[in-house]
């Protein structure tokens, strides 16, 4: 699908652009996009394919506001049940509170297609900015973001190419740093437990960084266990039991997040295992809710609150020199060894 002749990516897309790209009339394009009228399936598919490729989103407020923008900031996150994202939202809300901008939240449930649908709906209301978790999106989602003509901030991750601005941490570096700390503490028989990776790109990158550091030390993972669904203490217990029964000699368990890590810790303590002497454990995120555990789980602070604040500052023009857009801001998490990694001699 080629872009129409004379196409200027800096201006808003119109029905004419979709008409030229699909080779059908503007009236037919309008019928298809509004799901009105009698249009053949072949024509419908041609129009929808052109619109997706271009990143065209209809304007639901056309004619309603002189500015053609509303004072809303769209925020798309993968989960509300994950304790990470409410803290991100707190940071966003704190910064936007006195700006006249109001965040509106959509949830993708880690589904790229769901994220695309949420983006389409949000952008049709012409928000003043978009904040979206992650750097990986469908081609149609990237096209919509690139053509939106508003500040876009992708958050939580900087390991990739942002559409506009990005605020987050390097998850590959975080994985490497954790592996280096584990190796320095003398652990050698290491297993990984975490969520299924296809759509949790940040967990995947941490694992890649972790395995890279192991390989440099001449080590590799002894075992790994994956699960689908939300993070849960019970899931952590179940996976830990399964892995340790398969490989009793494992001396360290690395979890993709703190919740399943906490479940693993509780299982190990219930079994009377010496933590961190015989077996060490570590998670990720630095969730304060887990501070009441019998042992403080080793983890890394994911800079959640600060990520939310910095992203909102970019949207509101409060960033570096008041520039809106085009910023990549890397934050650096702190490794917290807690009570589940042996002290380095």
C-alpha atoms as a PDB file:
ATOM      1  CA  UNK A   1       0.000   0.000   0.000  1.00  0.00           C
ATOM      2  CA  UNK A   2       1.583   3.286  -1.107  1.00  0.00           C
ATOM      3  CA  UNK A   3       0.968   6.680   0.402  1.00  0.00           C
ATOM      4  CA  UNK A   4      -0.974   9.134  -1.787  1.00  0.00           C
ATOM      5  CA  UNK A   5       1.008  11.503  -3.984  1.00  0.00           C
ATOM      6  CA  UNK A   6       1.852  14.805  -2.319  1.00  0.00           C
ATOM      7  CA  UNK A   7       1.461  13.169   1.110  1.00  0.00           C
ATOM      8  CA  UNK A   8       2.816  15.252   3.997  1.00  0.00           C
ATOM      9  CA  UNK A   9       3.294  13.254   7.220  1.00  0.00           C
ATOM     10  CA  UNK A  10       3.197  16.470   9.260  1.00  0.00           C
ATOM     11  CA  UNK A  11      -0.436  17.272   8.465  1.00  0.00           C
ATOM     12  CA  UNK A  12      -3.491  15.378   9.754  1.00  0.00           C
ATOM     13  CA  UNK A  13      -4.669  12.571   7.502  1.00  0.00           C
ATOM     14  CA  UNK A  14      -7.979  13.028   5.713  1.00  0.00           C
ATOM     15  CA  UNK A  15     -10.563  10.902   3.950  1.00  0.00           C
ATOM     16  CA  UNK A  16      -8.968  12.003   0.683  1.00  0.00           C
ATOM     17  CA  UNK A  17      -5.683  10.384   1.691  1.00  0.00           C
ATOM     18  CA  UNK A  18      -7.456   7.083   2.361  1.00  0.00           C
ATOM     19  CA  UNK A  19      -9.448   7.492  -0.866  1.00  0.00           C
ATOM     20  CA  UNK A  20      -6.294   7.965  -2.942  1.00  0.00           C
ATOM     21  CA  UNK A  21      -4.480   5.119  -1.218  1.00  0.00           C
ATOM     22  CA  UNK A  22      -7.360   2.671  -1.647  1.00  0.00           C
ATOM     23  CA  UNK A  23      -8.524   3.831  -5.085  1.00  0.00           C
ATOM     24  CA  UNK A  24     -12.170   4.343  -4.075  1.00  0.00           C
ATOM     25  CA  UNK A  25     -14.256   7.488  -3.601  1.00  0.00           C
ATOM     26  CA  UNK A  26     -14.232   9.590  -0.427  1.00  0.00           C
ATOM     27  CA  UNK A  27     -17.943   8.854  -0.005  1.00  0.00           C
ATOM     28  CA  UNK A  28     -17.282   5.119  -0.061  1.00  0.00           C
ATOM     29  CA  UNK A  29     -14.379   5.538   2.386  1.00  0.00           C
ATOM     30  CA  UNK A  30     -16.707   7.423   4.718  1.00  0.00           C
ATOM     31  CA  UNK A  31     -19.343   4.694   4.495  1.00  0.00           C
ATOM     32  CA  UNK A  32     -16.806   1.995   5.311  1.00  0.00           C
ATOM     33  CA  UNK A  33     -15.263   3.836   8.249  1.00  0.00           C
ATOM     34  CA  UNK A  34     -18.671   4.709   9.698  1.00  0.00           C
ATOM     35  CA  UNK A  35     -19.926   1.171   8.955  1.00  0.00           C
ATOM     36  CA  UNK A  36     -22.841   2.642   7.025  1.00  0.00           C
ATOM     37  CA  UNK A  37     -24.333   1.799   3.640  1.00  0.00           C
ATOM     38  CA  UNK A  38     -23.992  -1.118   1.257  1.00  0.00           C
ATOM     39  CA  UNK A  39     -20.320  -1.690   0.387  1.00  0.00           C
ATOM     40  CA  UNK A  40     -18.834  -4.872  -1.048  1.00  0.00           C
ATOM     41  CA  UNK A  41     -16.550  -6.903   1.214  1.00  0.00           C
ATOM     42  CA  UNK A  42     -13.670  -6.499  -1.251  1.00  0.00           C
ATOM     43  CA  UNK A  43     -14.006  -2.714  -1.202  1.00  0.00           C
ATOM     44  CA  UNK A  44     -14.378  -2.675   2.565  1.00  0.00           C
ATOM     45  CA  UNK A  45     -11.183  -4.675   3.045  1.00  0.00           C
ATOM     46  CA  UNK A  46      -9.323  -2.399   0.612  1.00  0.00           C
ATOM     47  CA  UNK A  47     -10.383   0.745   2.485  1.00  0.00           C
ATOM     48  CA  UNK A  48      -9.624  -0.687   5.935  1.00  0.00           C
ATOM     49  CA  UNK A  49      -6.210  -1.918   4.793  1.00  0.00           C
ATOM     50  CA  UNK A  50      -5.366   1.557   3.429  1.00  0.00           C
ATOM     51  CA  UNK A  51      -6.532   3.255   6.630  1.00  0.00           C
ATOM     52  CA  UNK A  52      -4.491   0.894   8.810  1.00  0.00           C
ATOM     53  CA  UNK A  53      -1.360   1.311   6.714  1.00  0.00           C
ATOM     54  CA  UNK A  54      -1.603   5.103   6.770  1.00  0.00           C
ATOM     55  CA  UNK A  55      -2.511   5.258  10.453  1.00  0.00           C
ATOM     56  CA  UNK A  56      -5.757   7.118   9.719  1.00  0.00           C
ATOM     57  CA  UNK A  57      -8.112   7.642  12.676  1.00  0.00           C
ATOM     58  CA  UNK A  58     -11.488   9.380  12.205  1.00  0.00           C
ATOM     59  CA  UNK A  59     -12.073  12.610  14.112  1.00  0.00           C
ATOM     60  CA  UNK A  60     -15.043  12.166  16.460  1.00  0.00           C
ATOM     61  CA  UNK A  61     -14.990  15.809  17.529  1.00  0.00           C
ATOM     62  CA  UNK A  62     -14.813  17.349  14.046  1.00  0.00           C
ATOM     63  CA  UNK A  63     -16.793  20.573  14.025  1.00  0.00           C
ATOM     64  CA  UNK A  64     -17.386  20.431  17.766  1.00  0.00           C
ATOM     65  CA  UNK A  65     -14.334  22.355  18.956  1.00  0.00           C
ATOM     66  CA  UNK A  66     -12.461  25.174  17.289  1.00  0.00           C
ATOM     67  CA  UNK A  67      -9.124  23.751  18.447  1.00  0.00           C
ATOM     68  CA  UNK A  68     -10.003  20.200  17.301  1.00  0.00           C
ATOM     69  CA  UNK A  69      -8.348  18.968  20.517  1.00  0.00           C
ATOM     70  CA  UNK A  70      -9.673  18.051  23.936  1.00  0.00           C
ATOM     71  CA  UNK A  71      -7.789  18.486  27.219  1.00  0.00           C
ATOM     72  CA  UNK A  72      -7.368  14.765  27.692  1.00  0.00           C
ATOM     73  CA  UNK A  73      -4.179  12.716  27.801  1.00  0.00           C
ATOM     74  CA  UNK A  74      -4.673   9.116  26.719  1.00  0.00           C
ATOM     75  CA  UNK A  75      -2.781   6.571  28.830  1.00  0.00           C
ATOM     76  CA  UNK A  76      -2.587   2.961  27.629  1.00  0.00           C
ATOM     77  CA  UNK A  77      -1.231   0.405  30.109  1.00  0.00           C
ATOM     78  CA  UNK A  78      -1.213  -3.411  29.957  1.00  0.00           C
ATOM     79  CA  UNK A  79      -2.816  -4.109  33.331  1.00  0.00           C
ATOM     80  CA  UNK A  80      -4.608  -2.599  36.305  1.00  0.00           C
ATOM     81  CA  UNK A  81      -4.162  -5.708  38.462  1.00  0.00           C
ATOM     82  CA  UNK A  82      -0.363  -5.411  38.249  1.00  0.00           C
ATOM     83  CA  UNK A  83       0.745  -3.204  41.161  1.00  0.00           C
ATOM     84  CA  UNK A  84       3.343  -1.513  38.966  1.00  0.00           C
ATOM     85  CA  UNK A  85       0.970   0.609  36.914  1.00  0.00           C
ATOM     86  CA  UNK A  86      -1.144   2.303  39.613  1.00  0.00           C
ATOM     87  CA  UNK A  87       2.076   3.923  40.850  1.00  0.00           C
ATOM     88  CA  UNK A  88       2.873   5.076  37.301  1.00  0.00           C
ATOM     89  CA  UNK A  89      -0.618   6.574  37.111  1.00  0.00           C
ATOM     90  CA  UNK A  90      -0.030   8.378  40.406  1.00  0.00           C
ATOM     91  CA  UNK A  91       3.045  10.067  38.943  1.00  0.00           C
ATOM     92  CA  UNK A  92       1.144  11.073  35.800  1.00  0.00           C
ATOM     93  CA  UNK A  93      -1.795  12.477  37.777  1.00  0.00           C
ATOM     94  CA  UNK A  94       0.426  14.456  40.151  1.00  0.00           C
ATOM     95  CA  UNK A  95       2.095  16.325  37.299  1.00  0.00           C
ATOM     96  CA  UNK A  96      -1.046  16.912  35.215  1.00  0.00           C
ATOM     97  CA  UNK A  97      -3.135  18.045  38.199  1.00  0.00           C
ATOM     98  CA  UNK A  98      -2.500  21.777  37.716  1.00  0.00           C
ATOM     99  CA  UNK A  99      -2.143  21.801  33.923  1.00  0.00           C
ATOM    100  CA  UNK A 100      -5.780  21.548  32.868  1.00  0.00           C
ATOM    101  CA  UNK A 101      -5.018  18.165  31.286  1.00  0.00           C
ATOM    102  CA  UNK A 102      -6.884  15.065  32.446  1.00  0.00           C
ATOM    103  CA  UNK A 103      -5.531  11.518  32.035  1.00  0.00           C
ATOM    104  CA  UNK A 104      -7.893   8.894  30.604  1.00  0.00           C
ATOM    105  CA  UNK A 105      -6.846   5.253  30.935  1.00  0.00           C
ATOM    106  CA  UNK A 106      -7.184   2.303  28.578  1.00  0.00           C
ATOM    107  CA  UNK A 107      -6.022  -1.248  29.335  1.00  0.00           C
ATOM    108  CA  UNK A 108      -4.557  -3.594  26.714  1.00  0.00           C
ATOM    109  CA  UNK A 109      -4.258  -6.773  28.824  1.00  0.00           C
ATOM    110  CA  UNK A 110      -0.853  -7.337  27.148  1.00  0.00           C
ATOM    111  CA  UNK A 111      -2.653  -7.914  23.822  1.00  0.00           C
ATOM    112  CA  UNK A 112      -1.232  -6.018  20.808  1.00  0.00           C
ATOM    113  CA  UNK A 113      -4.588  -6.197  19.022  1.00  0.00           C
ATOM    114  CA  UNK A 114      -6.420  -4.906  22.085  1.00  0.00           C
ATOM    115  CA  UNK A 115      -3.876  -2.083  22.390  1.00  0.00           C
ATOM    116  CA  UNK A 116      -4.512  -1.182  18.747  1.00  0.00           C
ATOM    117  CA  UNK A 117      -8.268  -1.006  19.338  1.00  0.00           C
ATOM    118  CA  UNK A 118      -7.837   1.149  22.465  1.00  0.00           C
ATOM    119  CA  UNK A 119      -5.475   3.502  20.618  1.00  0.00           C
ATOM    120  CA  UNK A 120      -7.877   3.849  17.715  1.00  0.00           C
ATOM    121  CA  UNK A 121     -10.732   4.815  20.018  1.00  0.00           C
ATOM    122  CA  UNK A 122      -8.660   7.205  22.122  1.00  0.00           C
ATOM    123  CA  UNK A 123      -7.073   8.979  19.161  1.00  0.00           C
ATOM    124  CA  UNK A 124     -10.467   9.463  17.523  1.00  0.00           C
ATOM    125  CA  UNK A 125     -11.277  11.913  20.321  1.00  0.00           C
ATOM    126  CA  UNK A 126      -8.164  13.944  19.468  1.00  0.00           C
ATOM    127  CA  UNK A 127      -6.421  13.993  22.874  1.00  0.00           C
ATOM    128  CA  UNK A 128      -3.673  16.503  23.629  1.00  0.00           C
ATOM    129  CA  UNK A 129      -1.113  13.734  24.161  1.00  0.00           C
ATOM    130  CA  UNK A 130      -0.640   9.978  24.524  1.00  0.00           C
ATOM    131  CA  UNK A 131       1.333   7.965  27.073  1.00  0.00           C
ATOM    132  CA  UNK A 132       1.651   4.284  26.247  1.00  0.00           C
ATOM    133  CA  UNK A 133       3.511   1.448  27.957  1.00  0.00           C
ATOM    134  CA  UNK A 134       6.232  -0.249  25.967  1.00  0.00           C
ATOM    135  CA  UNK A 135       7.946   0.231  22.629  1.00  0.00           C
ATOM    136  CA  UNK A 136       6.514  -2.777  20.784  1.00  0.00           C
ATOM    137  CA  UNK A 137       3.229  -2.234  18.927  1.00  0.00           C
ATOM    138  CA  UNK A 138       1.450  -3.524  15.839  1.00  0.00           C
ATOM    139  CA  UNK A 139       2.350  -1.752  12.569  1.00  0.00           C
ATOM    140  CA  UNK A 140      -1.090  -0.116  12.593  1.00  0.00           C
ATOM    141  CA  UNK A 141      -0.612   1.159  16.139  1.00  0.00           C
ATOM    142  CA  UNK A 142       2.775   2.637  15.272  1.00  0.00           C
ATOM    143  CA  UNK A 143       1.298   4.286  12.195  1.00  0.00           C
ATOM    144  CA  UNK A 144      -1.536   5.811  14.231  1.00  0.00           C
ATOM    145  CA  UNK A 145       0.901   7.125  16.840  1.00  0.00           C
ATOM    146  CA  UNK A 146       3.248   8.526  14.200  1.00  0.00           C
ATOM    147  CA  UNK A 147       0.404  10.347  12.409  1.00  0.00           C
ATOM    148  CA  UNK A 148      -1.359  11.626  15.534  1.00  0.00           C
ATOM    149  CA  UNK A 149       0.334  15.036  15.469  1.00  0.00           C
ATOM    150  CA  UNK A 150       0.514  15.181  19.278  1.00  0.00           C
ATOM    151  CA  UNK A 151       3.227  14.418  21.867  1.00  0.00           C
ATOM    152  CA  UNK A 152       3.636  10.654  22.257  1.00  0.00           C
ATOM    153  CA  UNK A 153       5.569   9.203  25.209  1.00  0.00           C
ATOM    154  CA  UNK A 154       6.289   5.480  25.386  1.00  0.00           C
ATOM    155  CA  UNK A 155       7.090   4.501  28.953  1.00  0.00           C
ATOM    156  CA  UNK A 156       8.781   1.796  31.064  1.00  0.00           C
ATOM    157  CA  UNK A 157      11.397   0.850  28.453  1.00  0.00           C
ATOM    158  CA  UNK A 158      14.168   2.517  26.432  1.00  0.00           C
ATOM    159  CA  UNK A 159      15.545  -0.624  24.710  1.00  0.00           C
ATOM    160  CA  UNK A 160      14.237   0.155  21.240  1.00  0.00           C
ATOM    161  CA  UNK A 161      13.214   2.895  18.806  1.00  0.00           C
ATOM    162  CA  UNK A 162      10.448   5.170  20.121  1.00  0.00           C
ATOM    163  CA  UNK A 163       7.831   6.772  17.889  1.00  0.00           C
ATOM    164  CA  UNK A 164       8.473  10.142  19.561  1.00  0.00           C
ATOM    165  CA  UNK A 165       9.626  10.295  23.205  1.00  0.00           C
ATOM    166  CA  UNK A 166      10.456   7.518  25.648  1.00  0.00           C
ATOM    167  CA  UNK A 167      10.898   7.408  29.419  1.00  0.00           C
ATOM    168  CA  UNK A 168      12.012   4.277  31.204  1.00  0.00           C
ATOM    169  CA  UNK A 169      14.828   1.956  32.124  1.00  0.00           C
ATOM    170  CA  UNK A 170      16.984  -0.462  30.165  1.00  0.00           C
ATOM    171  CA  UNK A 171      15.544  -3.853  31.059  1.00  0.00           C
ATOM    172  CA  UNK A 172      18.453  -5.632  29.414  1.00  0.00           C
ATOM    173  CA  UNK A 173      20.851  -3.706  31.659  1.00  0.00           C
ATOM    174  CA  UNK A 174      18.663  -4.495  34.692  1.00  0.00           C
ATOM    175  CA  UNK A 175      18.840  -8.222  33.893  1.00  0.00           C
ATOM    176  CA  UNK A 176      22.604  -8.073  33.479  1.00  0.00           C
ATOM    177  CA  UNK A 177      23.081  -6.205  36.751  1.00  0.00           C
ATOM    178  CA  UNK A 178      21.026  -8.761  38.669  1.00  0.00           C
ATOM    179  CA  UNK A 179      22.944 -11.664  37.152  1.00  0.00           C
ATOM    180  CA  UNK A 180      26.272 -10.025  37.995  1.00  0.00           C
ATOM    181  CA  UNK A 181      25.195  -9.557  41.635  1.00  0.00           C
ATOM    182  CA  UNK A 182      24.060 -13.175  41.880  1.00  0.00           C
ATOM    183  CA  UNK A 183      27.312 -14.483  40.402  1.00  0.00           C
ATOM    184  CA  UNK A 184      29.399 -12.241  42.688  1.00  0.00           C
ATOM    185  CA  UNK A 185      27.576 -13.718  45.699  1.00  0.00           C
ATOM    186  CA  UNK A 186      28.759 -17.204  44.710  1.00  0.00           C
ATOM    187  CA  UNK A 187      25.591 -18.739  43.241  1.00  0.00           C
ATOM    188  CA  UNK A 188      26.096 -21.007  40.220  1.00  0.00           C
ATOM    189  CA  UNK A 189      23.014 -23.241  39.709  1.00  0.00           C
ATOM    190  CA  UNK A 190      20.403 -20.690  38.671  1.00  0.00           C
ATOM    191  CA  UNK A 191      16.793 -21.025  37.450  1.00  0.00           C
ATOM    192  CA  UNK A 192      14.360 -18.459  36.036  1.00  0.00           C
ATOM    193  CA  UNK A 193      10.613 -18.215  36.577  1.00  0.00           C
ATOM    194  CA  UNK A 194       8.312 -15.757  34.890  1.00  0.00           C
ATOM    195  CA  UNK A 195       5.433 -14.882  32.662  1.00  0.00           C
ATOM    196  CA  UNK A 196       5.078 -16.096  29.091  1.00  0.00           C
ATOM    197  CA  UNK A 197       7.261 -13.753  27.057  1.00  0.00           C
ATOM    198  CA  UNK A 198       5.585 -13.145  23.673  1.00  0.00           C
ATOM    199  CA  UNK A 199       3.809  -9.973  24.803  1.00  0.00           C
ATOM    200  CA  UNK A 200       5.650  -9.102  28.015  1.00  0.00           C
ATOM    201  CA  UNK A 201       8.576  -7.594  26.149  1.00  0.00           C
ATOM    202  CA  UNK A 202      10.147  -5.984  29.211  1.00  0.00           C
ATOM    203  CA  UNK A 203      10.357  -9.302  31.075  1.00  0.00           C
ATOM    204  CA  UNK A 204      11.791 -10.882  27.916  1.00  0.00           C
ATOM    205  CA  UNK A 205      14.516  -8.226  27.696  1.00  0.00           C
ATOM    206  CA  UNK A 206      15.450  -8.690  31.357  1.00  0.00           C
ATOM    207  CA  UNK A 207      15.836 -12.417  30.758  1.00  0.00           C
ATOM    208  CA  UNK A 208      17.979 -11.751  27.666  1.00  0.00           C
ATOM    209  CA  UNK A 209      20.264  -9.443  29.651  1.00  0.00           C
ATOM    210  CA  UNK A 210      20.370 -11.937  32.511  1.00  0.00           C
ATOM    211  CA  UNK A 211      21.399 -14.811  30.241  1.00  0.00           C
ATOM    212  CA  UNK A 212      23.995 -12.637  28.494  1.00  0.00           C
ATOM    213  CA  UNK A 213      25.708 -11.957  31.834  1.00  0.00           C
ATOM    214  CA  UNK A 214      25.556 -15.637  32.779  1.00  0.00           C
ATOM    215  CA  UNK A 215      27.131 -16.599  29.473  1.00  0.00           C
ATOM    216  CA  UNK A 216      30.010 -14.155  30.012  1.00  0.00           C
ATOM    217  CA  UNK A 217      30.709 -15.951  33.299  1.00  0.00           C
ATOM    218  CA  UNK A 218      30.579 -19.355  31.604  1.00  0.00           C
ATOM    219  CA  UNK A 219      27.180 -20.196  33.099  1.00  0.00           C
ATOM    220  CA  UNK A 220      23.701 -20.905  31.778  1.00  0.00           C
ATOM    221  CA  UNK A 221      20.278 -21.375  33.325  1.00  0.00           C
ATOM    222  CA  UNK A 222      19.753 -24.792  34.854  1.00  0.00           C
ATOM    223  CA  UNK A 223      15.970 -24.608  34.475  1.00  0.00           C
ATOM    224  CA  UNK A 224      13.131 -22.221  33.662  1.00  0.00           C
ATOM    225  CA  UNK A 225       9.397 -22.196  34.293  1.00  0.00           C
ATOM    226  CA  UNK A 226       6.822 -19.991  32.574  1.00  0.00           C
ATOM    227  CA  UNK A 227       3.185 -19.227  33.275  1.00  0.00           C
ATOM    228  CA  UNK A 228       0.336 -17.216  31.768  1.00  0.00           C
ATOM    229  CA  UNK A 229      -2.043 -14.916  33.598  1.00  0.00           C
ATOM    230  CA  UNK A 230      -1.550 -12.259  36.240  1.00  0.00           C
ATOM    231  CA  UNK A 231       1.178 -12.193  38.858  1.00  0.00           C
ATOM    232  CA  UNK A 232       0.209 -14.103  42.017  1.00  0.00           C
ATOM    233  CA  UNK A 233       1.724 -15.460  45.190  1.00  0.00           C
ATOM    234  CA  UNK A 234       0.165 -18.879  44.589  1.00  0.00           C
ATOM    235  CA  UNK A 235       1.649 -19.073  41.110  1.00  0.00           C
ATOM    236  CA  UNK A 236       5.080 -18.325  42.573  1.00  0.00           C
ATOM    237  CA  UNK A 237       4.742 -21.101  45.119  1.00  0.00           C
ATOM    238  CA  UNK A 238       3.613 -23.619  42.503  1.00  0.00           C
ATOM    239  CA  UNK A 239       6.401 -22.821  40.049  1.00  0.00           C
ATOM    240  CA  UNK A 240       9.056 -22.851  42.746  1.00  0.00           C
ATOM    241  CA  UNK A 241       7.914 -26.254  43.973  1.00  0.00           C
ATOM    242  CA  UNK A 242       7.960 -27.651  40.423  1.00  0.00           C
ATOM    243  CA  UNK A 243      11.441 -26.324  39.631  1.00  0.00           C
ATOM    244  CA  UNK A 244      13.039 -27.455  42.908  1.00  0.00           C
ATOM    245  CA  UNK A 245      11.539 -30.928  42.584  1.00  0.00           C
ATOM    246  CA  UNK A 246      13.044 -31.223  39.102  1.00  0.00           C
ATOM    247  CA  UNK A 247      16.404 -29.780  40.141  1.00  0.00           C
ATOM    248  CA  UNK A 248      17.099 -30.034  43.905  1.00  0.00           C
ATOM    249  CA  UNK A 249      20.628 -28.663  43.411  1.00  0.00           C
ATOM    250  CA  UNK A 250      19.454 -25.228  42.255  1.00  0.00           C
ATOM    251  CA  UNK A 251      20.927 -22.539  44.505  1.00  0.00           C
ATOM    252  CA  UNK A 252      19.261 -19.401  43.065  1.00  0.00           C
ATOM    253  CA  UNK A 253      15.795 -18.543  41.758  1.00  0.00           C
ATOM    254  CA  UNK A 254      15.331 -15.410  39.626  1.00  0.00           C
ATOM    255  CA  UNK A 255      11.702 -14.289  39.119  1.00  0.00           C
ATOM    256  CA  UNK A 256      10.343 -11.886  36.507  1.00  0.00           C
ATOM    257  CA  UNK A 257       8.427  -9.948  39.190  1.00  0.00           C
ATOM    258  CA  UNK A 258       8.208  -9.540  42.947  1.00  0.00           C
ATOM    259  CA  UNK A 259       4.788 -11.123  43.407  1.00  0.00           C
ATOM    260  CA  UNK A 260       5.762 -14.564  42.161  1.00  0.00           C
ATOM    261  CA  UNK A 261       9.131 -14.098  43.876  1.00  0.00           C
ATOM    262  CA  UNK A 262       7.316 -13.546  47.166  1.00  0.00           C
ATOM    263  CA  UNK A 263       5.343 -16.748  46.605  1.00  0.00           C
ATOM    264  CA  UNK A 264       8.597 -18.581  45.982  1.00  0.00           C
ATOM    265  CA  UNK A 265      10.139 -17.157  49.135  1.00  0.00           C
ATOM    266  CA  UNK A 266       7.182 -18.277  51.238  1.00  0.00           C
ATOM    267  CA  UNK A 267       7.445 -21.780  49.754  1.00  0.00           C
ATOM    268  CA  UNK A 268      11.181 -22.003  50.517  1.00  0.00           C
ATOM    269  CA  UNK A 269      10.660 -20.838  54.113  1.00  0.00           C
ATOM    270  CA  UNK A 270       7.787 -23.301  54.574  1.00  0.00           C
ATOM    271  CA  UNK A 271      10.134 -26.081  53.429  1.00  0.00           C
ATOM    272  CA  UNK A 272      12.744 -25.013  55.976  1.00  0.00           C
ATOM    273  CA  UNK A 273      15.306 -24.088  53.304  1.00  0.00           C
ATOM    274  CA  UNK A 274      18.199 -21.866  54.331  1.00  0.00           C
ATOM    275  CA  UNK A 275      17.574 -18.515  52.595  1.00  0.00           C
ATOM    276  CA  UNK A 276      19.959 -17.063  51.445  1.00  0.00           C
ATOM    277  CA  UNK A 277      22.602 -19.613  52.554  1.00  0.00           C
ATOM    278  CA  UNK A 278      21.446 -22.690  50.619  1.00  0.00           C
ATOM    279  CA  UNK A 279      19.233 -20.904  48.123  1.00  0.00           C
ATOM    280  CA  UNK A 280      18.892 -17.265  47.076  1.00  0.00           C
ATOM    281  CA  UNK A 281      15.965 -15.486  45.414  1.00  0.00           C
ATOM    282  CA  UNK A 282      15.347 -12.227  43.582  1.00  0.00           C
ATOM    283  CA  UNK A 283      12.433 -10.535  41.847  1.00  0.00           C
ATOM    284  CA  UNK A 284      11.875  -7.270  40.039  1.00  0.00           C
ATOM    285  CA  UNK A 285       9.846  -4.044  40.583  1.00  0.00           C
ATOM    286  CA  UNK A 286      10.571  -3.103  44.193  1.00  0.00           C
ATOM    287  CA  UNK A 287       6.947  -3.475  45.309  1.00  0.00           C
ATOM    288  CA  UNK A 288       6.607  -1.886  48.767  1.00  0.00           C
ATOM    289  CA  UNK A 289       3.549  -3.988  49.613  1.00  0.00           C
ATOM    290  CA  UNK A 290       5.875  -6.946  50.117  1.00  0.00           C
ATOM    291  CA  UNK A 291       7.993  -5.254  52.787  1.00  0.00           C
ATOM    292  CA  UNK A 292       6.138  -7.243  55.468  1.00  0.00           C
ATOM    293  CA  UNK A 293       7.481 -10.617  54.308  1.00  0.00           C
ATOM    294  CA  UNK A 294       9.524 -12.684  56.798  1.00  0.00           C
ATOM    295  CA  UNK A 295      12.581 -11.883  54.643  1.00  0.00           C
ATOM    296  CA  UNK A 296      13.029  -8.845  52.424  1.00  0.00           C
ATOM    297  CA  UNK A 297      13.104 -10.116  48.830  1.00  0.00           C
ATOM    298  CA  UNK A 298      16.025  -8.991  46.660  1.00  0.00           C
ATOM    299  CA  UNK A 299      14.690  -6.846  43.831  1.00  0.00           C
ATOM    300  CA  UNK A 300      15.263  -3.799  41.651  1.00  0.00           C
ATOM    301  CA  UNK A 301      13.293  -0.572  41.852  1.00  0.00           C
ATOM    302  CA  UNK A 302      11.645   0.006  38.466  1.00  0.00           C
ATOM    303  CA  UNK A 303      11.392   3.822  38.976  1.00  0.00           C
ATOM    304  CA  UNK A 304       7.629   3.638  38.457  1.00  0.00           C
ATOM    305  CA  UNK A 305       6.568   6.905  40.084  1.00  0.00           C
ATOM    306  CA  UNK A 306       9.359   8.861  38.424  1.00  0.00           C
ATOM    307  CA  UNK A 307       8.560   7.373  35.016  1.00  0.00           C
ATOM    308  CA  UNK A 308       4.964   8.569  35.340  1.00  0.00           C
ATOM    309  CA  UNK A 309       6.058  12.031  36.415  1.00  0.00           C
ATOM    310  CA  UNK A 310       8.645  12.471  33.660  1.00  0.00           C
ATOM    311  CA  UNK A 311       6.260  11.262  30.964  1.00  0.00           C
ATOM    312  CA  UNK A 312       3.582  13.715  32.083  1.00  0.00           C
ATOM    313  CA  UNK A 313       6.127  16.533  32.202  1.00  0.00           C
ATOM    314  CA  UNK A 314       6.989  15.913  28.545  1.00  0.00           C
ATOM    315  CA  UNK A 315       3.304  15.921  27.560  1.00  0.00           C
ATOM    316  CA  UNK A 316       2.683  19.139  29.518  1.00  0.00           C
ATOM    317  CA  UNK A 317       5.760  20.904  28.147  1.00  0.00           C
ATOM    318  CA  UNK A 318       7.533  20.842  31.509  1.00  0.00           C
ATOM    319  CA  UNK A 319      10.440  18.787  30.253  1.00  0.00           C
ATOM    320  CA  UNK A 320      13.960  19.866  29.357  1.00  0.00           C
ATOM    321  CA  UNK A 321      13.913  23.481  28.082  1.00  0.00           C
ATOM    322  CA  UNK A 322      10.165  23.238  27.618  1.00  0.00           C
ATOM    323  CA  UNK A 323      10.621  21.120  24.486  1.00  0.00           C
ATOM    324  CA  UNK A 324       7.660  18.858  23.728  1.00  0.00           C
ATOM    325  CA  UNK A 325       8.592  15.619  22.007  1.00  0.00           C
ATOM    326  CA  UNK A 326      11.681  13.831  20.782  1.00  0.00           C
ATOM    327  CA  UNK A 327      13.152  13.068  24.219  1.00  0.00           C
ATOM    328  CA  UNK A 328      14.573   9.749  25.382  1.00  0.00           C
ATOM    329  CA  UNK A 329      15.010   9.779  29.139  1.00  0.00           C
ATOM    330  CA  UNK A 330      16.681   6.802  30.785  1.00  0.00           C
ATOM    331  CA  UNK A 331      16.260   6.231  34.505  1.00  0.00           C
ATOM    332  CA  UNK A 332      18.501   3.903  36.480  1.00  0.00           C
ATOM    333  CA  UNK A 333      16.987   1.391  38.927  1.00  0.00           C
ATOM    334  CA  UNK A 334      18.751   0.473  42.148  1.00  0.00           C
ATOM    335  CA  UNK A 335      19.488  -3.128  43.032  1.00  0.00           C
ATOM    336  CA  UNK A 336      18.183  -3.897  46.536  1.00  0.00           C
ATOM    337  CA  UNK A 337      19.775  -7.139  47.801  1.00  0.00           C
ATOM    338  CA  UNK A 338      17.425  -7.409  50.779  1.00  0.00           C
ATOM    339  CA  UNK A 339      17.763 -10.613  52.811  1.00  0.00           C
ATOM    340  CA  UNK A 340      17.691 -13.186  50.005  1.00  0.00           C
ATOM    341  CA  UNK A 341      21.141 -12.789  48.428  1.00  0.00           C
ATOM    342  CA  UNK A 342      24.261 -13.797  50.344  1.00  0.00           C
ATOM    343  CA  UNK A 343      26.483 -10.935  51.405  1.00  0.00           C
ATOM    344  CA  UNK A 344      29.536 -10.644  49.191  1.00  0.00           C
ATOM    345  CA  UNK A 345      32.660 -11.485  51.256  1.00  0.00           C
END
